[in-house]
């Protein structure tokens, strides 16, 4: 009996070390490490040569300042071996669909099954990373380009603007920057 529990523990541990929860946890840690990064000057969608410029490069955007919420998500994921390569919220959705990671949200339910801390969410023209799922059905998120900074935001999950979430179980894609 003891060996059965030990075997189950080892199998679950192997799955977690190679699987989605661990990858998503690392993406979240990366996002949290950027909290407080802000545009300079405020409202510019830029910080010449700084972190926001790096986010935009990870989103394969090379044309100067631009809205950078999706590029922030791309950068956080790229640091952990998942490469959306976009600065577009709509393209984040397409990337998740293409890799079987998309979890639709109809705006009338609680957080769908399969969403974990570190999953990203997509709205029509905005995206961010789930930090926690609250018992009231809401989510706390880490978002770039919200108030010109990377910051934590509390959202109600039934917000009709959330189109869906992406949860990955393995590393995928390749960098647009070589």
Foldseek 3Di string as FASTA:
>chain_A
DVVVVVVVVVVVVVQCVAWQVVLLVQLLVLLVVFFPAFAVVHPQQHDVPDDSVVLCVLLVHDDDHDQAFVSSSQVSNVVRQARLNHRFLVSVQVSLVVVVFKDFDQLQDAADPPQDQNKKWGFRGHIFTFHHQDPVRKTWTFTDPDSRGTHIDIGHSSHNRTGTIGTGIHRDDDTPVD
